[in-house]
Amino acid sequence: MFASLAKAVGNFFDGTLRGVVLRSIGLTLLLFVLLFVGFEFALAHLPTLGATWVNHLIELLAPILFILMAGFFGAPVAAIFGAFFLDRVANAVEARAYPEEQTAQGTRPSTAISAGARLGVLALAINLGLLLLDAEIVPPVPEIVGIFANAWLLGREYFELAALRHMSRVAAENLRRRNGWTVFAAGAIISLISSIPVLDLLAPLFGAAFMVHLYQRLERQERAE
């Protein structure tokens, strides 16, 4: 796993992902700008809540609240963008690192869209549940649980999307199950990066590249056995 991790990190410095990185960061920033504009618009049209000082307090706390929300939605955004950009990342990584491999058929657009939507909804549901749990359990227990939950979800979905470029869904699921702990550990690394401000912008691309390398290594190992 660590060899695949090192290769994925290296792809950000060897020019392999330069174009995809710029597009992804641009779209992610655009998404958060639109969210911020919507947030400010909602505040500007907020009715007076009992007293004017309440509205002023909300306006003062709004930037902090938005930053917290941006961190909270890090994993769902990473999940969705990872599915949409995986084919571009995988094509770039495989062309550079695995040119001898047969050209992958790629992920069908319908599969990428449905997988991205499903992954985003599941990640959002998990994080909302953990947010409610946070009010009942002393920190940092919910945060730790969140990392593990997102590790399972991101690891499973990212790995299967990488494998689906080369094999059927059943074969991809079976390969993941046979290497469950390795895929889970890789998902934990993606989950941690998704929770760090600024780095979360690169988390979808890193996760996609990481899982492409991991899939290639695990599939080759099983072929050799």
C-alpha atoms as a PDB file:
ATOM      1  CA  MET A   1       0.000   0.000   0.000  1.00  0.00           C
ATOM      2  CA  PHE A   2       2.785   2.441   0.853  1.00  0.00           C
ATOM      3  CA  ALA A   3       4.389   1.948  -2.562  1.00  0.00           C
ATOM      4  CA  SER A   4       1.056   2.911  -4.170  1.00  0.00           C
ATOM      5  CA  LEU A   5       0.810   5.893  -1.817  1.00  0.00           C
ATOM      6  CA  ALA A   6       4.276   7.121  -2.809  1.00  0.00           C
ATOM      7  CA  LYS A   7       3.447   6.767  -6.505  1.00  0.00           C
ATOM      8  CA  ALA A   8       0.197   8.731  -6.090  1.00  0.00           C
ATOM      9  CA  VAL A   9       2.029  11.556  -4.289  1.00  0.00           C
ATOM     10  CA  GLY A  10       4.696  11.530  -7.004  1.00  0.00           C
ATOM     11  CA  ASN A  11       2.047  12.026  -9.696  1.00  0.00           C
ATOM     12  CA  PHE A  12       1.395  15.523  -8.333  1.00  0.00           C
ATOM     13  CA  PHE A  13       5.010  16.528  -8.935  1.00  0.00           C
ATOM     14  CA  ASP A  14       5.893  14.789 -12.214  1.00  0.00           C
ATOM     15  CA  GLY A  15       3.352  16.618 -14.367  1.00  0.00           C
ATOM     16  CA  THR A  16       1.021  13.635 -14.792  1.00  0.00           C
ATOM     17  CA  LEU A  17      -1.982  15.345 -13.203  1.00  0.00           C
ATOM     18  CA  ARG A  18      -1.252  19.020 -13.901  1.00  0.00           C
ATOM     19  CA  GLY A  19      -4.205  19.640 -16.228  1.00  0.00           C
ATOM     20  CA  VAL A  20      -6.684  17.637 -14.149  1.00  0.00           C
ATOM     21  CA  VAL A  21      -5.551  19.345 -10.943  1.00  0.00           C
ATOM     22  CA  LEU A  22      -6.155  22.812 -12.369  1.00  0.00           C
ATOM     23  CA  ARG A  23      -9.627  21.900 -13.656  1.00  0.00           C
ATOM     24  CA  SER A  24     -10.634  20.161 -10.448  1.00  0.00           C
ATOM     25  CA  ILE A  25      -9.475  22.951  -8.142  1.00  0.00           C
ATOM     26  CA  GLY A  26     -11.156  25.521 -10.366  1.00  0.00           C
ATOM     27  CA  LEU A  27     -14.486  23.690 -10.274  1.00  0.00           C
ATOM     28  CA  THR A  28     -14.230  23.081  -6.520  1.00  0.00           C
ATOM     29  CA  LEU A  29     -13.499  26.742  -5.820  1.00  0.00           C
ATOM     30  CA  LEU A  30     -16.369  27.742  -8.105  1.00  0.00           C
ATOM     31  CA  LEU A  31     -18.670  25.431  -6.152  1.00  0.00           C
ATOM     32  CA  PHE A  32     -17.709  26.992  -2.809  1.00  0.00           C
ATOM     33  CA  VAL A  33     -17.950  30.527  -4.230  1.00  0.00           C
ATOM     34  CA  LEU A  34     -21.501  29.776  -5.389  1.00  0.00           C
ATOM     35  CA  LEU A  35     -22.293  28.312  -1.971  1.00  0.00           C
ATOM     36  CA  PHE A  36     -20.856  31.395  -0.256  1.00  0.00           C
ATOM     37  CA  VAL A  37     -22.869  33.743  -2.489  1.00  0.00           C
ATOM     38  CA  GLY A  38     -26.009  31.748  -1.712  1.00  0.00           C
ATOM     39  CA  PHE A  39     -25.153  31.826   1.984  1.00  0.00           C
ATOM     40  CA  GLU A  40     -24.705  35.603   1.944  1.00  0.00           C
ATOM     41  CA  PHE A  41     -27.912  36.062  -0.055  1.00  0.00           C
ATOM     42  CA  ALA A  42     -29.829  34.035   2.541  1.00  0.00           C
ATOM     43  CA  LEU A  43     -28.359  36.138   5.370  1.00  0.00           C
ATOM     44  CA  ALA A  44     -29.255  39.398   3.578  1.00  0.00           C
ATOM     45  CA  HIS A  45     -32.878  38.284   3.308  1.00  0.00           C
ATOM     46  CA  LEU A  46     -33.116  36.809   6.789  1.00  0.00           C
ATOM     47  CA  PRO A  47     -36.111  38.254   8.675  1.00  0.00           C
ATOM     48  CA  THR A  48     -35.554  39.938  12.060  1.00  0.00           C
ATOM     49  CA  LEU A  49     -35.289  37.184  14.652  1.00  0.00           C
ATOM     50  CA  GLY A  50     -36.884  38.760  17.704  1.00  0.00           C
ATOM     51  CA  ALA A  51     -34.303  41.561  17.989  1.00  0.00           C
ATOM     52  CA  THR A  52     -31.867  43.202  15.583  1.00  0.00           C
ATOM     53  CA  TRP A  53     -28.864  42.218  17.715  1.00  0.00           C
ATOM     54  CA  VAL A  54     -29.641  38.544  16.997  1.00  0.00           C
ATOM     55  CA  ASN A  55     -29.306  39.170  13.261  1.00  0.00           C
ATOM     56  CA  HIS A  56     -26.076  41.133  13.792  1.00  0.00           C
ATOM     57  CA  LEU A  57     -24.653  38.256  15.845  1.00  0.00           C
ATOM     58  CA  ILE A  58     -25.548  35.787  13.093  1.00  0.00           C
ATOM     59  CA  GLU A  59     -23.827  38.013  10.520  1.00  0.00           C
ATOM     60  CA  LEU A  60     -20.676  38.159  12.658  1.00  0.00           C
ATOM     61  CA  LEU A  61     -20.614  34.396  13.152  1.00  0.00           C
ATOM     62  CA  ALA A  62     -21.500  33.627   9.522  1.00  0.00           C
ATOM     63  CA  PRO A  63     -17.872  33.389   8.204  1.00  0.00           C
ATOM     64  CA  ILE A  64     -16.945  30.944  10.981  1.00  0.00           C
ATOM     65  CA  LEU A  65     -20.071  28.911  10.309  1.00  0.00           C
ATOM     66  CA  PHE A  66     -19.298  28.802   6.588  1.00  0.00           C
ATOM     67  CA  ILE A  67     -15.749  27.570   7.243  1.00  0.00           C
ATOM     68  CA  LEU A  68     -17.093  24.837   9.529  1.00  0.00           C
ATOM     69  CA  MET A  69     -19.623  23.854   6.877  1.00  0.00           C
ATOM     70  CA  ALA A  70     -16.894  23.751   4.230  1.00  0.00           C
ATOM     71  CA  GLY A  71     -14.887  21.373   6.425  1.00  0.00           C
ATOM     72  CA  PHE A  72     -17.982  19.302   7.172  1.00  0.00           C
ATOM     73  CA  PHE A  73     -18.780  18.858   3.469  1.00  0.00           C
ATOM     74  CA  GLY A  74     -15.169  17.991   2.601  1.00  0.00           C
ATOM     75  CA  ALA A  75     -15.755  14.236   2.385  1.00  0.00           C
ATOM     76  CA  PRO A  76     -19.025  14.417   0.358  1.00  0.00           C
ATOM     77  CA  VAL A  77     -17.459  16.849  -2.119  1.00  0.00           C
ATOM     78  CA  ALA A  78     -14.379  14.628  -2.393  1.00  0.00           C
ATOM     79  CA  ALA A  79     -16.649  11.643  -3.013  1.00  0.00           C
ATOM     80  CA  ILE A  80     -18.578  13.298  -5.831  1.00  0.00           C
ATOM     81  CA  PHE A  81     -15.601  14.910  -7.555  1.00  0.00           C
ATOM     82  CA  GLY A  82     -13.559  11.724  -7.230  1.00  0.00           C
ATOM     83  CA  ALA A  83     -16.150   9.803  -9.238  1.00  0.00           C
ATOM     84  CA  PHE A  84     -16.363  12.468 -11.956  1.00  0.00           C
ATOM     85  CA  PHE A  85     -12.603  12.902 -12.378  1.00  0.00           C
ATOM     86  CA  LEU A  86     -11.511   9.304 -11.887  1.00  0.00           C
ATOM     87  CA  ASP A  87     -11.419   8.418 -15.582  1.00  0.00           C
ATOM     88  CA  ARG A  88      -9.229  11.410 -16.447  1.00  0.00           C
ATOM     89  CA  VAL A  89      -6.896  10.732 -13.545  1.00  0.00           C
ATOM     90  CA  ALA A  90      -6.771   7.003 -14.293  1.00  0.00           C
ATOM     91  CA  ASN A  91      -6.029   7.572 -17.995  1.00  0.00           C
ATOM     92  CA  ALA A  92      -3.156   9.922 -17.133  1.00  0.00           C
ATOM     93  CA  VAL A  93      -1.720   7.667 -14.411  1.00  0.00           C
ATOM     94  CA  GLU A  94      -2.007   4.428 -16.402  1.00  0.00           C
ATOM     95  CA  ALA A  95      -0.552   5.977 -19.567  1.00  0.00           C
ATOM     96  CA  ARG A  96       2.535   7.065 -17.610  1.00  0.00           C
ATOM     97  CA  ALA A  97       3.001   4.269 -15.067  1.00  0.00           C
ATOM     98  CA  TYR A  98       1.434   1.225 -16.785  1.00  0.00           C
ATOM     99  CA  PRO A  99       1.808   1.730 -20.574  1.00  0.00           C
ATOM    100  CA  GLU A 100       2.163  -2.017 -21.120  1.00  0.00           C
ATOM    101  CA  GLU A 101      -1.331  -2.672 -19.800  1.00  0.00           C
ATOM    102  CA  GLN A 102      -4.177  -3.116 -22.252  1.00  0.00           C
ATOM    103  CA  THR A 103      -6.128   0.135 -22.678  1.00  0.00           C
ATOM    104  CA  ALA A 104      -8.968   0.183 -20.172  1.00  0.00           C
ATOM    105  CA  GLN A 105     -12.515   0.462 -21.417  1.00  0.00           C
ATOM    106  CA  GLY A 106     -13.062   3.312 -18.950  1.00  0.00           C
ATOM    107  CA  THR A 107     -16.013   4.029 -16.714  1.00  0.00           C
ATOM    108  CA  ARG A 108     -19.287   4.736 -18.494  1.00  0.00           C
ATOM    109  CA  PRO A 109     -20.620   8.286 -17.866  1.00  0.00           C
ATOM    110  CA  SER A 110     -23.839   6.885 -16.387  1.00  0.00           C
ATOM    111  CA  THR A 111     -21.824   4.744 -13.981  1.00  0.00           C
ATOM    112  CA  ALA A 112     -19.657   7.696 -12.917  1.00  0.00           C
ATOM    113  CA  ILE A 113     -22.678   9.955 -12.371  1.00  0.00           C
ATOM    114  CA  SER A 114     -24.676   7.365 -10.412  1.00  0.00           C
ATOM    115  CA  ALA A 115     -21.628   6.348  -8.370  1.00  0.00           C
ATOM    116  CA  GLY A 116     -20.764   9.975  -7.617  1.00  0.00           C
ATOM    117  CA  ALA A 117     -24.323  10.782  -6.564  1.00  0.00           C
ATOM    118  CA  ARG A 118     -24.616   7.649  -4.427  1.00  0.00           C
ATOM    119  CA  LEU A 119     -21.248   8.239  -2.820  1.00  0.00           C
ATOM    120  CA  GLY A 120     -22.013  11.892  -2.112  1.00  0.00           C
ATOM    121  CA  VAL A 121     -25.381  11.084  -0.526  1.00  0.00           C
ATOM    122  CA  LEU A 122     -23.903   8.293   1.630  1.00  0.00           C
ATOM    123  CA  ALA A 123     -21.003  10.479   2.765  1.00  0.00           C
ATOM    124  CA  LEU A 124     -23.382  13.329   3.581  1.00  0.00           C
ATOM    125  CA  ALA A 125     -25.696  10.988   5.521  1.00  0.00           C
ATOM    126  CA  ILE A 126     -22.784   9.575   7.522  1.00  0.00           C
ATOM    127  CA  ASN A 127     -21.463  13.036   8.406  1.00  0.00           C
ATOM    128  CA  LEU A 128     -24.914  14.341   9.338  1.00  0.00           C
ATOM    129  CA  GLY A 129     -25.388  11.346  11.622  1.00  0.00           C
ATOM    130  CA  LEU A 130     -22.011  12.002  13.218  1.00  0.00           C
ATOM    131  CA  LEU A 131     -22.909  15.675  13.675  1.00  0.00           C
ATOM    132  CA  LEU A 132     -25.974  14.634  15.679  1.00  0.00           C
ATOM    133  CA  LEU A 133     -23.844  12.135  17.576  1.00  0.00           C
ATOM    134  CA  ASP A 134     -21.406  14.915  18.436  1.00  0.00           C
ATOM    135  CA  ALA A 135     -24.053  16.501  20.686  1.00  0.00           C
ATOM    136  CA  GLU A 136     -24.422  13.290  22.693  1.00  0.00           C
ATOM    137  CA  ILE A 137     -20.852  11.984  22.957  1.00  0.00           C
ATOM    138  CA  VAL A 138     -17.747  13.756  24.241  1.00  0.00           C
ATOM    139  CA  PRO A 139     -15.302  14.779  21.482  1.00  0.00           C
ATOM    140  CA  PRO A 140     -13.150  13.506  19.841  1.00  0.00           C
ATOM    141  CA  VAL A 141     -15.053  10.184  19.721  1.00  0.00           C
ATOM    142  CA  PRO A 142     -17.471  11.267  16.920  1.00  0.00           C
ATOM    143  CA  GLU A 143     -14.579  12.685  14.888  1.00  0.00           C
ATOM    144  CA  ILE A 144     -12.662   9.395  15.175  1.00  0.00           C
ATOM    145  CA  VAL A 145     -15.782   7.436  14.246  1.00  0.00           C
ATOM    146  CA  GLY A 146     -16.216   9.788  11.275  1.00  0.00           C
ATOM    147  CA  ILE A 147     -12.720   9.080   9.986  1.00  0.00           C
ATOM    148  CA  PHE A 148     -13.356   5.326  10.174  1.00  0.00           C
ATOM    149  CA  ALA A 149     -16.796   5.596   8.548  1.00  0.00           C
ATOM    150  CA  ASN A 150     -15.469   7.732   5.710  1.00  0.00           C
ATOM    151  CA  ALA A 151     -12.455   5.422   5.376  1.00  0.00           C
ATOM    152  CA  TRP A 152     -14.777   2.486   4.744  1.00  0.00           C
ATOM    153  CA  LEU A 153     -16.965   4.431   2.325  1.00  0.00           C
ATOM    154  CA  LEU A 154     -14.257   6.258   0.342  1.00  0.00           C
ATOM    155  CA  GLY A 155     -11.981   3.217   0.216  1.00  0.00           C
ATOM    156  CA  ARG A 156     -14.738   0.924  -1.058  1.00  0.00           C
ATOM    157  CA  GLU A 157     -16.141   3.274  -3.694  1.00  0.00           C
ATOM    158  CA  TYR A 158     -12.854   4.693  -5.010  1.00  0.00           C
ATOM    159  CA  PHE A 159     -11.296   1.253  -5.326  1.00  0.00           C
ATOM    160  CA  GLU A 160     -14.278  -0.246  -7.118  1.00  0.00           C
ATOM    161  CA  LEU A 161     -14.461   2.692  -9.538  1.00  0.00           C
ATOM    162  CA  ALA A 162     -10.772   2.156 -10.394  1.00  0.00           C
ATOM    163  CA  ALA A 163     -11.343  -1.584 -10.843  1.00  0.00           C
ATOM    164  CA  LEU A 164     -14.496  -1.116 -12.949  1.00  0.00           C
ATOM    165  CA  ARG A 165     -12.347   0.330 -15.714  1.00  0.00           C
ATOM    166  CA  HIS A 166     -10.908  -3.160 -16.245  1.00  0.00           C
ATOM    167  CA  MET A 167     -13.427  -5.704 -14.939  1.00  0.00           C
ATOM    168  CA  SER A 168     -17.072  -6.342 -14.125  1.00  0.00           C
ATOM    169  CA  ARG A 169     -18.722  -5.013 -10.971  1.00  0.00           C
ATOM    170  CA  VAL A 170     -18.878  -8.502  -9.425  1.00  0.00           C
ATOM    171  CA  ALA A 171     -15.161  -9.077 -10.073  1.00  0.00           C
ATOM    172  CA  ALA A 172     -14.322  -5.611  -8.684  1.00  0.00           C
ATOM    173  CA  GLU A 173     -16.319  -6.269  -5.503  1.00  0.00           C
ATOM    174  CA  ASN A 174     -14.676  -9.656  -5.018  1.00  0.00           C
ATOM    175  CA  LEU A 175     -11.189  -8.181  -5.476  1.00  0.00           C
ATOM    176  CA  ARG A 176     -11.986  -5.498  -2.899  1.00  0.00           C
ATOM    177  CA  ARG A 177     -13.328  -8.016  -0.387  1.00  0.00           C
ATOM    178  CA  ARG A 178     -10.248 -10.206  -0.703  1.00  0.00           C
ATOM    179  CA  ASN A 179      -8.097  -7.176   0.117  1.00  0.00           C
ATOM    180  CA  GLY A 180     -10.512  -5.492   2.520  1.00  0.00           C
ATOM    181  CA  TRP A 181      -8.074  -4.261   5.144  1.00  0.00           C
ATOM    182  CA  THR A 182      -5.674  -2.817   2.586  1.00  0.00           C
ATOM    183  CA  VAL A 183      -8.484  -0.946   0.824  1.00  0.00           C
ATOM    184  CA  PHE A 184      -9.817   0.267   4.188  1.00  0.00           C
ATOM    185  CA  ALA A 185      -6.386   1.607   5.197  1.00  0.00           C
ATOM    186  CA  ALA A 186      -6.095   3.424   1.862  1.00  0.00           C
ATOM    187  CA  GLY A 187      -9.580   4.875   2.410  1.00  0.00           C
ATOM    188  CA  ALA A 188      -8.504   6.108   5.850  1.00  0.00           C
ATOM    189  CA  ILE A 189      -5.667   8.100   4.271  1.00  0.00           C
ATOM    190  CA  ILE A 190      -8.083   9.648   1.749  1.00  0.00           C
ATOM    191  CA  SER A 191     -10.524  10.414   4.584  1.00  0.00           C
ATOM    192  CA  LEU A 192      -7.831  12.186   6.617  1.00  0.00           C
ATOM    193  CA  ILE A 193      -6.769  14.317   3.662  1.00  0.00           C
ATOM    194  CA  SER A 194     -10.430  15.141   2.920  1.00  0.00           C
ATOM    195  CA  SER A 195     -10.790  16.570   6.440  1.00  0.00           C
ATOM    196  CA  ILE A 196      -7.823  18.986   6.163  1.00  0.00           C
ATOM    197  CA  PRO A 197      -8.601  22.464   4.766  1.00  0.00           C
ATOM    198  CA  VAL A 198      -6.859  23.273   1.447  1.00  0.00           C
ATOM    199  CA  LEU A 199      -5.638  19.676   1.081  1.00  0.00           C
ATOM    200  CA  ASP A 200      -9.266  18.595   0.740  1.00  0.00           C
ATOM    201  CA  LEU A 201      -9.256  20.332  -2.675  1.00  0.00           C
ATOM    202  CA  LEU A 202      -6.741  17.735  -3.877  1.00  0.00           C
ATOM    203  CA  ALA A 203      -8.252  14.779  -2.017  1.00  0.00           C
ATOM    204  CA  PRO A 204     -10.478  13.549  -4.909  1.00  0.00           C
ATOM    205  CA  LEU A 205      -7.581  13.499  -7.370  1.00  0.00           C
ATOM    206  CA  PHE A 206      -5.199  11.966  -4.855  1.00  0.00           C
ATOM    207  CA  GLY A 207      -7.779   9.309  -3.965  1.00  0.00           C
ATOM    208  CA  ALA A 208      -8.341   8.431  -7.613  1.00  0.00           C
ATOM    209  CA  ALA A 209      -4.594   8.178  -8.381  1.00  0.00           C
ATOM    210  CA  PHE A 210      -3.942   6.234  -5.168  1.00  0.00           C
ATOM    211  CA  MET A 211      -6.624   3.660  -5.935  1.00  0.00           C
ATOM    212  CA  VAL A 212      -5.474   3.228  -9.538  1.00  0.00           C
ATOM    213  CA  HIS A 213      -1.990   2.328  -8.292  1.00  0.00           C
ATOM    214  CA  LEU A 214      -3.423   0.110  -5.554  1.00  0.00           C
ATOM    215  CA  TYR A 215      -5.718  -1.707  -7.991  1.00  0.00           C
ATOM    216  CA  GLN A 216      -2.852  -2.330 -10.403  1.00  0.00           C
ATOM    217  CA  ARG A 217      -0.664  -3.740  -7.620  1.00  0.00           C
ATOM    218  CA  LEU A 218      -3.330  -6.008  -6.115  1.00  0.00           C
ATOM    219  CA  GLU A 219      -4.540  -7.265  -9.486  1.00  0.00           C
ATOM    220  CA  ARG A 220      -0.973  -8.108 -10.560  1.00  0.00           C
ATOM    221  CA  GLN A 221      -0.323  -9.897  -7.282  1.00  0.00           C
ATOM    222  CA  GLU A 222      -3.383 -12.095  -7.730  1.00  0.00           C
ATOM    223  CA  ARG A 223      -2.470 -12.835 -11.348  1.00  0.00           C
ATOM    224  CA  ALA A 224       0.986 -13.977 -10.234  1.00  0.00           C
ATOM    225  CA  GLU A 225      -0.383 -16.362  -7.604  1.00  0.00           C
END
